[in-house]
């Protein structure tokens, strides 16, 4: 989850000694202006697949492919993977004796459900 879901254009509020450059999911400017920041889309994407009651079951940090897996209340597994690299990255997911080979484009997020 994001530390700040909403912040003003100066990234306030923040705790003393905390991050003064961290964007919230949205930036609320004077008037009615709302800017959706990357965290908005990350939260929206994850919440579509990781429903209330889901439990994190794994999280690894292989070079350039941070990821996290959840078990949903319906018993499904959801894996979210980010390719932080400048080029496509191939990887394999092993689960229940099966292997899924996948490739993510540079900067892409992939969500796998089984």
Foldseek 3Di string as FASTA:
>chain_A
DDPAQEAEPQRDDDDVVDDRPDHHCWYQYPDGDIDGDPVVVVVVVVCVPADPPKDWDDWDCDPQWTKTWIQHPVRKIKIKIFRQDPAKDWDWDDDPNDIDIDIDGHGDIDMDMD
